[in-house]
Amino acid sequence: METNWTKDELKAYLFLFAAHANFEESKAELNFIKTRVGAKNLAHIHDEFDKDNDYQRIQKIEATIERYAYEKEDIENLLLDVKALFIADGELDILEESLFLGLRHLLLS
C-alpha cells in the first residue's frame, strides 16, 4: 500500500503500531511519540491509523520504508526508537517484546 507520508509521519505511524502491541496507548507512550514527531503529525496520522487494520498497517510501514530506501542502519535506528517507546511507560511487557522481535524480523529481512 502506497503512502505519501513524510519520514516523521512514518515514525508516528510505526510508533502507534508499536504502542498498540498491548492493545492500549499509555499517556507516556503518546507523550514519547509527540516529542519525536510533533503533535500535529501524531494527530493527523492517528486518524489514519485508527481506520486501518493490522494487515494494512504492516503493508503501509513496509511500503514507506521501501520508498525511502532505508538502509539497515536506518531501520536499526527506528527499532531503537521503538524500544525506547516500549519502555517509556516504565515496563516492557511480553506483547511489546514479541512485537519488537516481529518488527525486527519483518523490517530487516
PDB file of N, CA and C in Angstrom:
ATOM      1  N   MET A   1       0.841  -1.181   0.000  1.00  0.00           N
ATOM      2  CA  MET A   1       0.000   0.000   0.000  1.00  0.00           C
ATOM      3  C   MET A   1       0.883   1.240   0.000  1.00  0.00           C
ATOM      4  N   GLU A   2       0.686   2.052  -0.965  1.00  0.00           N
ATOM      5  CA  GLU A   2       1.477   3.269  -1.094  1.00  0.00           C
ATOM      6  C   GLU A   2       0.994   4.340  -0.120  1.00  0.00           C
ATOM      7  N   THR A   3       1.935   5.132   0.340  1.00  0.00           N
ATOM      8  CA  THR A   3       1.620   6.284   1.179  1.00  0.00           C
ATOM      9  C   THR A   3       2.374   7.477   0.615  1.00  0.00           C
ATOM     10  N   ASN A   4       1.994   8.642   1.047  1.00  0.00           N
ATOM     11  CA  ASN A   4       2.758   9.834   0.699  1.00  0.00           C
ATOM     12  C   ASN A   4       3.268  10.504   1.970  1.00  0.00           C
ATOM     13  N   TRP A   5       3.533   9.687   2.971  1.00  0.00           N
ATOM     14  CA  TRP A   5       3.987  10.177   4.267  1.00  0.00           C
ATOM     15  C   TRP A   5       5.388  10.773   4.190  1.00  0.00           C
ATOM     16  N   THR A   6       5.616  11.717   5.087  1.00  0.00           N
ATOM     17  CA  THR A   6       6.973  12.181   5.348  1.00  0.00           C
ATOM     18  C   THR A   6       7.636  11.145   6.252  1.00  0.00           C
ATOM     19  N   LYS A   7       8.914  11.292   6.483  1.00  0.00           N
ATOM     20  CA  LYS A   7       9.605  10.370   7.384  1.00  0.00           C
ATOM     21  C   LYS A   7       9.065  10.488   8.814  1.00  0.00           C
ATOM     22  N   ASP A   8       8.711  11.706   9.244  1.00  0.00           N
ATOM     23  CA  ASP A   8       8.129  11.868  10.578  1.00  0.00           C
ATOM     24  C   ASP A   8       6.756  11.215  10.681  1.00  0.00           C
ATOM     25  N   GLU A   9       5.981  11.269   9.604  1.00  0.00           N
ATOM     26  CA  GLU A   9       4.678  10.604   9.607  1.00  0.00           C
ATOM     27  C   GLU A   9       4.857   9.084   9.662  1.00  0.00           C
ATOM     28  N   LEU A  10       5.849   8.574   8.958  1.00  0.00           N
ATOM     29  CA  LEU A  10       6.165   7.144   9.049  1.00  0.00           C
ATOM     30  C   LEU A  10       6.497   6.778  10.486  1.00  0.00           C
ATOM     31  N   LYS A  11       7.342   7.568  11.125  1.00  0.00           N
ATOM     32  CA  LYS A  11       7.701   7.293  12.520  1.00  0.00           C
ATOM     33  C   LYS A  11       6.465   7.318  13.407  1.00  0.00           C
ATOM     34  N   ALA A  12       5.609   8.302  13.212  1.00  0.00           N
ATOM     35  CA  ALA A  12       4.392   8.401  14.024  1.00  0.00           C
ATOM     36  C   ALA A  12       3.543   7.147  13.859  1.00  0.00           C
ATOM     37  N   TYR A  13       3.370   6.702  12.636  1.00  0.00           N
ATOM     38  CA  TYR A  13       2.566   5.516  12.350  1.00  0.00           C
ATOM     39  C   TYR A  13       3.206   4.265  12.953  1.00  0.00           C
ATOM     40  N   LEU A  14       4.509   4.128  12.765  1.00  0.00           N
ATOM     41  CA  LEU A  14       5.229   2.986  13.328  1.00  0.00           C
ATOM     42  C   LEU A  14       5.135   2.989  14.852  1.00  0.00           C
ATOM     43  N   PHE A  15       5.300   4.150  15.454  1.00  0.00           N
ATOM     44  CA  PHE A  15       5.208   4.254  16.913  1.00  0.00           C
ATOM     45  C   PHE A  15       3.805   3.900  17.404  1.00  0.00           C
ATOM     46  N   LEU A  16       2.775   4.347  16.695  1.00  0.00           N
ATOM     47  CA  LEU A  16       1.405   3.988  17.082  1.00  0.00           C
ATOM     48  C   LEU A  16       1.194   2.482  16.960  1.00  0.00           C
ATOM     49  N   PHE A  17       1.726   1.912  15.881  1.00  0.00           N
ATOM     50  CA  PHE A  17       1.633   0.459  15.701  1.00  0.00           C
ATOM     51  C   PHE A  17       2.287  -0.252  16.884  1.00  0.00           C
ATOM     52  N   ALA A  18       3.447   0.210  17.260  1.00  0.00           N
ATOM     53  CA  ALA A  18       4.163  -0.392  18.382  1.00  0.00           C
ATOM     54  C   ALA A  18       3.419  -0.174  19.695  1.00  0.00           C
ATOM     55  N   ALA A  19       2.887   1.031  19.891  1.00  0.00           N
ATOM     56  CA  ALA A  19       2.176   1.335  21.136  1.00  0.00           C
ATOM     57  C   ALA A  19       0.953   0.443  21.316  1.00  0.00           C
ATOM     58  N   HIS A  20       0.407  -0.036  20.219  1.00  0.00           N
ATOM     59  CA  HIS A  20      -0.774  -0.896  20.283  1.00  0.00           C
ATOM     60  C   HIS A  20      -0.429  -2.364  20.485  1.00  0.00           C
ATOM     61  N   ALA A  21       0.827  -2.668  20.721  1.00  0.00           N
ATOM     62  CA  ALA A  21       1.242  -4.058  20.924  1.00  0.00           C
ATOM     63  C   ALA A  21       0.460  -4.699  22.060  1.00  0.00           C
ATOM     64  N   ASN A  22       0.198  -3.938  23.106  1.00  0.00           N
ATOM     65  CA  ASN A  22      -0.554  -4.470  24.247  1.00  0.00           C
ATOM     66  C   ASN A  22      -1.981  -3.909  24.272  1.00  0.00           C
ATOM     67  N   PHE A  23      -2.443  -3.454  23.107  1.00  0.00           N
ATOM     68  CA  PHE A  23      -3.818  -3.006  22.876  1.00  0.00           C
ATOM     69  C   PHE A  23      -4.216  -1.743  23.616  1.00  0.00           C
ATOM     70  N   GLU A  24      -3.235  -0.962  24.046  1.00  0.00           N
ATOM     71  CA  GLU A  24      -3.545   0.305  24.695  1.00  0.00           C
ATOM     72  C   GLU A  24      -2.391   1.279  24.482  1.00  0.00           C
ATOM     73  N   GLU A  25      -2.741   2.537  24.386  1.00  0.00           N
ATOM     74  CA  GLU A  25      -1.731   3.591  24.287  1.00  0.00           C
ATOM     75  C   GLU A  25      -1.650   4.257  25.650  1.00  0.00           C
ATOM     76  N   SER A  26      -0.517   4.177  26.277  1.00  0.00           N
ATOM     77  CA  SER A  26      -0.379   4.858  27.562  1.00  0.00           C
ATOM     78  C   SER A  26      -0.101   6.337  27.312  1.00  0.00           C
ATOM     79  N   LYS A  27      -0.369   7.124  28.318  1.00  0.00           N
ATOM     80  CA  LYS A  27      -0.086   8.562  28.226  1.00  0.00           C
ATOM     81  C   LYS A  27       1.409   8.788  27.993  1.00  0.00           C
ATOM     82  N   ALA A  28       2.238   7.997  28.654  1.00  0.00           N
ATOM     83  CA  ALA A  28       3.689   8.122  28.489  1.00  0.00           C
ATOM     84  C   ALA A  28       4.100   7.809  27.052  1.00  0.00           C
ATOM     85  N   GLU A  29       3.479   6.795  26.456  1.00  0.00           N
ATOM     86  CA  GLU A  29       3.801   6.450  25.073  1.00  0.00           C
ATOM     87  C   GLU A  29       3.378   7.569  24.116  1.00  0.00           C
ATOM     88  N   LEU A  30       2.188   8.109  24.316  1.00  0.00           N
ATOM     89  CA  LEU A  30       1.727   9.207  23.464  1.00  0.00           C
ATOM     90  C   LEU A  30       2.623  10.433  23.609  1.00  0.00           C
ATOM     91  N   ASN A  31       3.037  10.726  24.822  1.00  0.00           N
ATOM     92  CA  ASN A  31       3.959  11.847  25.034  1.00  0.00           C
ATOM     93  C   ASN A  31       5.293  11.602  24.335  1.00  0.00           C
ATOM     94  N   PHE A  32       5.782  10.368  24.411  1.00  0.00           N
ATOM     95  CA  PHE A  32       7.019   9.998  23.718  1.00  0.00           C
ATOM     96  C   PHE A  32       6.878  10.256  22.222  1.00  0.00           C
ATOM     97  N   ILE A  33       5.768   9.808  21.652  1.00  0.00           N
ATOM     98  CA  ILE A  33       5.551   9.972  20.217  1.00  0.00           C
ATOM     99  C   ILE A  33       5.505  11.460  19.854  1.00  0.00           C
ATOM    100  N   LYS A  34       4.807  12.241  20.661  1.00  0.00           N
ATOM    101  CA  LYS A  34       4.708  13.684  20.397  1.00  0.00           C
ATOM    102  C   LYS A  34       6.081  14.345  20.392  1.00  0.00           C
ATOM    103  N   THR A  35       6.939  13.938  21.313  1.00  0.00           N
ATOM    104  CA  THR A  35       8.273  14.551  21.369  1.00  0.00           C
ATOM    105  C   THR A  35       9.120  14.171  20.167  1.00  0.00           C
ATOM    106  N   ARG A  36       8.844  13.030  19.564  1.00  0.00           N
ATOM    107  CA  ARG A  36       9.642  12.564  18.424  1.00  0.00           C
ATOM    108  C   ARG A  36       9.137  13.079  17.077  1.00  0.00           C
ATOM    109  N   VAL A  37       7.812  13.267  16.951  1.00  0.00           N
ATOM    110  CA  VAL A  37       7.263  13.620  15.631  1.00  0.00           C
ATOM    111  C   VAL A  37       6.396  14.874  15.638  1.00  0.00           C
ATOM    112  N   GLY A  38       6.074  15.398  16.801  1.00  0.00           N
ATOM    113  CA  GLY A  38       5.231  16.578  16.899  1.00  0.00           C
ATOM    114  C   GLY A  38       3.759  16.233  17.031  1.00  0.00           C
ATOM    115  N   ALA A  39       3.032  17.077  17.729  1.00  0.00           N
ATOM    116  CA  ALA A  39       1.612  16.837  17.998  1.00  0.00           C
ATOM    117  C   ALA A  39       0.783  16.835  16.714  1.00  0.00           C
ATOM    118  N   LYS A  40       1.125  17.705  15.772  1.00  0.00           N
ATOM    119  CA  LYS A  40       0.363  17.798  14.519  1.00  0.00           C
ATOM    120  C   LYS A  40       0.490  16.505  13.699  1.00  0.00           C
ATOM    121  N   ASN A  41       1.722  16.013  13.548  1.00  0.00           N
ATOM    122  CA  ASN A  41       1.917  14.752  12.824  1.00  0.00           C
ATOM    123  C   ASN A  41       1.206  13.600  13.522  1.00  0.00           C
ATOM    124  N   LEU A  42       1.280  13.572  14.840  1.00  0.00           N
ATOM    125  CA  LEU A  42       0.633  12.497  15.585  1.00  0.00           C
ATOM    126  C   LEU A  42      -0.875  12.531  15.369  1.00  0.00           C
ATOM    127  N   ALA A  43      -1.494  13.688  15.483  1.00  0.00           N
ATOM    128  CA  ALA A  43      -2.946  13.798  15.331  1.00  0.00           C
ATOM    129  C   ALA A  43      -3.380  13.372  13.927  1.00  0.00           C
ATOM    130  N   HIS A  44      -2.669  13.853  12.931  1.00  0.00           N
ATOM    131  CA  HIS A  44      -3.004  13.528  11.533  1.00  0.00           C
ATOM    132  C   HIS A  44      -2.872  12.026  11.273  1.00  0.00           C
ATOM    133  N   ILE A  45      -1.780  11.455  11.687  1.00  0.00           N
ATOM    134  CA  ILE A  45      -1.518  10.042  11.433  1.00  0.00           C
ATOM    135  C   ILE A  45      -2.411   9.148  12.300  1.00  0.00           C
ATOM    136  N   HIS A  46      -2.730   9.597  13.504  1.00  0.00           N
ATOM    137  CA  HIS A  46      -3.579   8.791  14.390  1.00  0.00           C
ATOM    138  C   HIS A  46      -4.942   8.530  13.749  1.00  0.00           C
ATOM    139  N   ASP A  47      -5.485   9.524  13.072  1.00  0.00           N
ATOM    140  CA  ASP A  47      -6.771   9.338  12.390  1.00  0.00           C
ATOM    141  C   ASP A  47      -6.675   8.246  11.334  1.00  0.00           C
ATOM    142  N   GLU A  48      -5.608   8.273  10.544  1.00  0.00           N
ATOM    143  CA  GLU A  48      -5.416   7.244   9.519  1.00  0.00           C
ATOM    144  C   GLU A  48      -5.180   5.881  10.161  1.00  0.00           C
ATOM    145  N   PHE A  49      -4.362   5.839  11.184  1.00  0.00           N
ATOM    146  CA  PHE A  49      -4.050   4.591  11.878  1.00  0.00           C
ATOM    147  C   PHE A  49      -5.326   3.923  12.388  1.00  0.00           C
ATOM    148  N   ASP A  50      -6.216   4.708  12.969  1.00  0.00           N
ATOM    149  CA  ASP A  50      -7.450   4.163  13.537  1.00  0.00           C
ATOM    150  C   ASP A  50      -8.358   3.531  12.488  1.00  0.00           C
ATOM    151  N   LYS A  51      -8.239   3.963  11.251  1.00  0.00           N
ATOM    152  CA  LYS A  51      -9.086   3.434  10.175  1.00  0.00           C
ATOM    153  C   LYS A  51      -8.523   2.147   9.558  1.00  0.00           C
ATOM    154  N   ASP A  52      -7.245   1.881   9.776  1.00  0.00           N
ATOM    155  CA  ASP A  52      -6.584   0.728   9.151  1.00  0.00           C
ATOM    156  C   ASP A  52      -6.641  -0.502  10.038  1.00  0.00           C
ATOM    157  N   ASN A  53      -6.589  -1.682   9.388  1.00  0.00           N
ATOM    158  CA  ASN A  53      -6.437  -2.920  10.144  1.00  0.00           C
ATOM    159  C   ASN A  53      -4.952  -3.284  10.207  1.00  0.00           C
ATOM    160  N   ASP A  54      -4.618  -4.324  10.954  1.00  0.00           N
ATOM    161  CA  ASP A  54      -3.206  -4.678  11.131  1.00  0.00           C
ATOM    162  C   ASP A  54      -2.506  -4.997   9.812  1.00  0.00           C
ATOM    163  N   TYR A  55      -3.183  -5.684   8.915  1.00  0.00           N
ATOM    164  CA  TYR A  55      -2.574  -6.005   7.623  1.00  0.00           C
ATOM    165  C   TYR A  55      -2.233  -4.726   6.866  1.00  0.00           C
ATOM    166  N   GLN A  56      -3.171  -3.783   6.800  1.00  0.00           N
ATOM    167  CA  GLN A  56      -2.924  -2.525   6.117  1.00  0.00           C
ATOM    168  C   GLN A  56      -1.789  -1.755   6.780  1.00  0.00           C
ATOM    169  N   ARG A  57      -1.744  -1.798   8.091  1.00  0.00           N
ATOM    170  CA  ARG A  57      -0.694  -1.093   8.825  1.00  0.00           C
ATOM    171  C   ARG A  57       0.684  -1.614   8.455  1.00  0.00           C
ATOM    172  N   ILE A  58       0.828  -2.910   8.456  1.00  0.00           N
ATOM    173  CA  ILE A  58       2.118  -3.519   8.124  1.00  0.00           C
ATOM    174  C   ILE A  58       2.498  -3.205   6.685  1.00  0.00           C
ATOM    175  N   GLN A  59       1.531  -3.314   5.776  1.00  0.00           N
ATOM    176  CA  GLN A  59       1.799  -3.025   4.371  1.00  0.00           C
ATOM    177  C   GLN A  59       2.254  -1.579   4.175  1.00  0.00           C
ATOM    178  N   LYS A  60       1.616  -0.646   4.863  1.00  0.00           N
ATOM    179  CA  LYS A  60       1.980   0.766   4.736  1.00  0.00           C
ATOM    180  C   LYS A  60       3.373   1.030   5.299  1.00  0.00           C
ATOM    181  N   ILE A  61       3.679   0.429   6.427  1.00  0.00           N
ATOM    182  CA  ILE A  61       5.006   0.607   7.024  1.00  0.00           C
ATOM    183  C   ILE A  61       6.082   0.071   6.089  1.00  0.00           C
ATOM    184  N   GLU A  62       5.900  -1.146   5.611  1.00  0.00           N
ATOM    185  CA  GLU A  62       6.885  -1.746   4.707  1.00  0.00           C
ATOM    186  C   GLU A  62       7.045  -0.935   3.423  1.00  0.00           C
ATOM    187  N   ALA A  63       5.936  -0.525   2.829  1.00  0.00           N
ATOM    188  CA  ALA A  63       5.994   0.216   1.566  1.00  0.00           C
ATOM    189  C   ALA A  63       6.705   1.556   1.736  1.00  0.00           C
ATOM    190  N   THR A  64       6.458   2.216   2.842  1.00  0.00           N
ATOM    191  CA  THR A  64       7.072   3.527   3.045  1.00  0.00           C
ATOM    192  C   THR A  64       8.562   3.401   3.329  1.00  0.00           C
ATOM    193  N   ILE A  65       8.939   2.401   4.095  1.00  0.00           N
ATOM    194  CA  ILE A  65      10.365   2.156   4.336  1.00  0.00           C
ATOM    195  C   ILE A  65      11.066   1.824   3.021  1.00  0.00           C
ATOM    196  N   GLU A  66      10.419   1.065   2.190  1.00  0.00           N
ATOM    197  CA  GLU A  66      10.990   0.730   0.881  1.00  0.00           C
ATOM    198  C   GLU A  66      11.084   1.975  -0.006  1.00  0.00           C
ATOM    199  N   ARG A  67      10.047   2.810   0.004  1.00  0.00           N
ATOM    200  CA  ARG A  67      10.035   4.025  -0.822  1.00  0.00           C
ATOM    201  C   ARG A  67      11.191   4.954  -0.454  1.00  0.00           C
ATOM    202  N   TYR A  68      11.484   5.033   0.833  1.00  0.00           N
ATOM    203  CA  TYR A  68      12.589   5.879   1.283  1.00  0.00           C
ATOM    204  C   TYR A  68      13.940   5.172   1.195  1.00  0.00           C
ATOM    205  N   ALA A  69      13.930   3.923   0.767  1.00  0.00           N
ATOM    206  CA  ALA A  69      15.156   3.135   0.615  1.00  0.00           C
ATOM    207  C   ALA A  69      15.997   3.145   1.892  1.00  0.00           C
ATOM    208  N   TYR A  70      15.340   2.883   3.001  1.00  0.00           N
ATOM    209  CA  TYR A  70      16.043   2.840   4.281  1.00  0.00           C
ATOM    210  C   TYR A  70      17.114   1.752   4.248  1.00  0.00           C
ATOM    211  N   GLU A  71      18.279   2.112   4.706  1.00  0.00           N
ATOM    212  CA  GLU A  71      19.377   1.159   4.853  1.00  0.00           C
ATOM    213  C   GLU A  71      19.207   0.426   6.183  1.00  0.00           C
ATOM    214  N   LYS A  72      19.986  -0.629   6.364  1.00  0.00           N
ATOM    215  CA  LYS A  72      19.917  -1.411   7.598  1.00  0.00           C
ATOM    216  C   LYS A  72      20.128  -0.522   8.823  1.00  0.00           C
ATOM    217  N   GLU A  73      21.079   0.394   8.753  1.00  0.00           N
ATOM    218  CA  GLU A  73      21.368   1.286   9.879  1.00  0.00           C
ATOM    219  C   GLU A  73      20.162   2.184  10.202  1.00  0.00           C
ATOM    220  N   ASP A  74      19.472   2.663   9.170  1.00  0.00           N
ATOM    221  CA  ASP A  74      18.283   3.492   9.376  1.00  0.00           C
ATOM    222  C   ASP A  74      17.181   2.695  10.098  1.00  0.00           C
ATOM    223  N   ILE A  75      17.010   1.465   9.667  1.00  0.00           N
ATOM    224  CA  ILE A  75      15.991   0.602  10.282  1.00  0.00           C
ATOM    225  C   ILE A  75      16.377   0.287  11.719  1.00  0.00           C
ATOM    226  N   GLU A  76      17.659   0.014  11.958  1.00  0.00           N
ATOM    227  CA  GLU A  76      18.124  -0.240  13.326  1.00  0.00           C
ATOM    228  C   GLU A  76      17.828   0.962  14.228  1.00  0.00           C
ATOM    229  N   ASN A  77      18.031   2.173  13.701  1.00  0.00           N
ATOM    230  CA  ASN A  77      17.740   3.379  14.480  1.00  0.00           C
ATOM    231  C   ASN A  77      16.244   3.501  14.771  1.00  0.00           C
ATOM    232  N   LEU A  78      15.410   3.187  13.795  1.00  0.00           N
ATOM    233  CA  LEU A  78      13.962   3.183  14.028  1.00  0.00           C
ATOM    234  C   LEU A  78      13.596   2.185  15.120  1.00  0.00           C
ATOM    235  N   LEU A  79      14.202   1.018  15.057  1.00  0.00           N
ATOM    236  CA  LEU A  79      13.914  -0.024  16.051  1.00  0.00           C
ATOM    237  C   LEU A  79      14.389   0.384  17.450  1.00  0.00           C
ATOM    238  N   LEU A  80      15.491   1.104  17.524  1.00  0.00           N
ATOM    239  CA  LEU A  80      15.936   1.620  18.826  1.00  0.00           C
ATOM    240  C   LEU A  80      14.913   2.597  19.390  1.00  0.00           C
ATOM    241  N   ASP A  81      14.333   3.425  18.518  1.00  0.00           N
ATOM    242  CA  ASP A  81      13.279   4.338  18.960  1.00  0.00           C
ATOM    243  C   ASP A  81      12.042   3.571  19.413  1.00  0.00           C
ATOM    244  N   VAL A  82      11.702   2.497  18.714  1.00  0.00           N
ATOM    245  CA  VAL A  82      10.558   1.669  19.119  1.00  0.00           C
ATOM    246  C   VAL A  82      10.820   1.067  20.496  1.00  0.00           C
ATOM    247  N   LYS A  83      12.024   0.585  20.718  1.00  0.00           N
ATOM    248  CA  LYS A  83      12.389   0.020  22.022  1.00  0.00           C
ATOM    249  C   LYS A  83      12.256   1.085  23.117  1.00  0.00           C
ATOM    250  N   ALA A  84      12.702   2.300  22.825  1.00  0.00           N
ATOM    251  CA  ALA A  84      12.572   3.409  23.784  1.00  0.00           C
ATOM    252  C   ALA A  84      11.103   3.716  24.054  1.00  0.00           C
ATOM    253  N   LEU A  85      10.275   3.634  23.021  1.00  0.00           N
ATOM    254  CA  LEU A  85       8.835   3.832  23.204  1.00  0.00           C
ATOM    255  C   LEU A  85       8.270   2.793  24.155  1.00  0.00           C
ATOM    256  N   PHE A  86       8.663   1.551  23.969  1.00  0.00           N
ATOM    257  CA  PHE A  86       8.143   0.476  24.807  1.00  0.00           C
ATOM    258  C   PHE A  86       8.464   0.677  26.282  1.00  0.00           C
ATOM    259  N   ILE A  87       9.618   1.247  26.578  1.00  0.00           N
ATOM    260  CA  ILE A  87       9.971   1.427  27.988  1.00  0.00           C
ATOM    261  C   ILE A  87       9.586   2.809  28.520  1.00  0.00           C
ATOM    262  N   ALA A  88       8.946   3.614  27.666  1.00  0.00           N
ATOM    263  CA  ALA A  88       8.527   4.962  28.082  1.00  0.00           C
ATOM    264  C   ALA A  88       7.550   4.919  29.255  1.00  0.00           C
ATOM    265  N   ASP A  89       6.744   3.859  29.321  1.00  0.00           N
ATOM    266  CA  ASP A  89       5.777   3.759  30.418  1.00  0.00           C
ATOM    267  C   ASP A  89       6.323   2.954  31.597  1.00  0.00           C
ATOM    268  N   GLY A  90       7.621   2.663  31.575  1.00  0.00           N
ATOM    269  CA  GLY A  90       8.269   2.033  32.709  1.00  0.00           C
ATOM    270  C   GLY A  90       8.355   0.521  32.677  1.00  0.00           C
ATOM    271  N   GLU A  91       7.785  -0.099  31.639  1.00  0.00           N
ATOM    272  CA  GLU A  91       7.878  -1.552  31.564  1.00  0.00           C
ATOM    273  C   GLU A  91       7.861  -2.024  30.124  1.00  0.00           C
ATOM    274  N   LEU A  92       8.441  -3.173  29.915  1.00  0.00           N
ATOM    275  CA  LEU A  92       8.433  -3.839  28.617  1.00  0.00           C
ATOM    276  C   LEU A  92       7.717  -5.160  28.822  1.00  0.00           C
ATOM    277  N   ASP A  93       6.447  -5.223  28.399  1.00  0.00           N
ATOM    278  CA  ASP A  93       5.709  -6.463  28.631  1.00  0.00           C
ATOM    279  C   ASP A  93       5.941  -7.459  27.502  1.00  0.00           C
ATOM    280  N   ILE A  94       5.432  -8.650  27.676  1.00  0.00           N
ATOM    281  CA  ILE A  94       5.701  -9.735  26.721  1.00  0.00           C
ATOM    282  C   ILE A  94       5.109  -9.452  25.346  1.00  0.00           C
ATOM    283  N   LEU A  95       3.975  -8.776  25.289  1.00  0.00           N
ATOM    284  CA  LEU A  95       3.386  -8.438  23.994  1.00  0.00           C
ATOM    285  C   LEU A  95       4.257  -7.440  23.239  1.00  0.00           C
ATOM    286  N   GLU A  96       4.780  -6.460  23.957  1.00  0.00           N
ATOM    287  CA  GLU A  96       5.669  -5.478  23.334  1.00  0.00           C
ATOM    288  C   GLU A  96       6.958  -6.144  22.861  1.00  0.00           C
ATOM    289  N   GLU A  97       7.486  -7.018  23.691  1.00  0.00           N
ATOM    290  CA  GLU A  97       8.714  -7.724  23.321  1.00  0.00           C
ATOM    291  C   GLU A  97       8.497  -8.583  22.079  1.00  0.00           C
ATOM    292  N   SER A  98       7.361  -9.259  22.012  1.00  0.00           N
ATOM    293  CA  SER A  98       7.041 -10.095  20.849  1.00  0.00           C
ATOM    294  C   SER A  98       6.886  -9.250  19.590  1.00  0.00           C
ATOM    295  N   LEU A  99       6.196  -8.119  19.713  1.00  0.00           N
ATOM    296  CA  LEU A  99       6.034  -7.251  18.551  1.00  0.00           C
ATOM    297  C   LEU A  99       7.378  -6.702  18.097  1.00  0.00           C
ATOM    298  N   PHE A 100       8.232  -6.352  19.044  1.00  0.00           N
ATOM    299  CA  PHE A 100       9.553  -5.839  18.693  1.00  0.00           C
ATOM    300  C   PHE A 100      10.329  -6.869  17.875  1.00  0.00           C
ATOM    301  N   LEU A 101      10.318  -8.104  18.317  1.00  0.00           N
ATOM    302  CA  LEU A 101      11.036  -9.158  17.585  1.00  0.00           C
ATOM    303  C   LEU A 101      10.434  -9.357  16.201  1.00  0.00           C
ATOM    304  N   GLY A 102       9.092  -9.301  16.116  1.00  0.00           N
ATOM    305  CA  GLY A 102       8.428  -9.436  14.824  1.00  0.00           C
ATOM    306  C   GLY A 102       8.772  -8.298  13.877  1.00  0.00           C
ATOM    307  N   LEU A 103       8.771  -7.074  14.388  1.00  0.00           N
ATOM    308  CA  LEU A 103       9.143  -5.912  13.570  1.00  0.00           C
ATOM    309  C   LEU A 103      10.578  -6.021  13.093  1.00  0.00           C
ATOM    310  N   ARG A 104      11.435  -6.425  13.994  1.00  0.00           N
ATOM    311  CA  ARG A 104      12.852  -6.576  13.645  1.00  0.00           C
ATOM    312  C   ARG A 104      13.019  -7.575  12.496  1.00  0.00           C
ATOM    313  N   HIS A 105      12.340  -8.689  12.624  1.00  0.00           N
ATOM    314  CA  HIS A 105      12.412  -9.721  11.579  1.00  0.00           C
ATOM    315  C   HIS A 105      11.813  -9.203  10.261  1.00  0.00           C
ATOM    316  N   LEU A 106      10.672  -8.568  10.348  1.00  0.00           N
ATOM    317  CA  LEU A 106       9.968  -8.071   9.175  1.00  0.00           C
ATOM    318  C   LEU A 106      10.760  -6.991   8.435  1.00  0.00           C
ATOM    319  N   LEU A 107      11.295  -6.049   9.174  1.00  0.00           N
ATOM    320  CA  LEU A 107      11.935  -4.897   8.552  1.00  0.00           C
ATOM    321  C   LEU A 107      13.388  -5.140   8.146  1.00  0.00           C
ATOM    322  N   LEU A 108      14.022  -6.111   8.752  1.00  0.00           N
ATOM    323  CA  LEU A 108      15.429  -6.363   8.428  1.00  0.00           C
ATOM    324  C   LEU A 108      15.637  -7.578   7.514  1.00  0.00           C
ATOM    325  N   SER A 109      14.553  -8.221   7.109  1.00  0.00           N
ATOM    326  CA  SER A 109      14.731  -9.395   6.241  1.00  0.00           C
ATOM    327  C   SER A 109      14.504  -9.058   4.791  1.00  0.00           C
TER     328      SER A 109
END
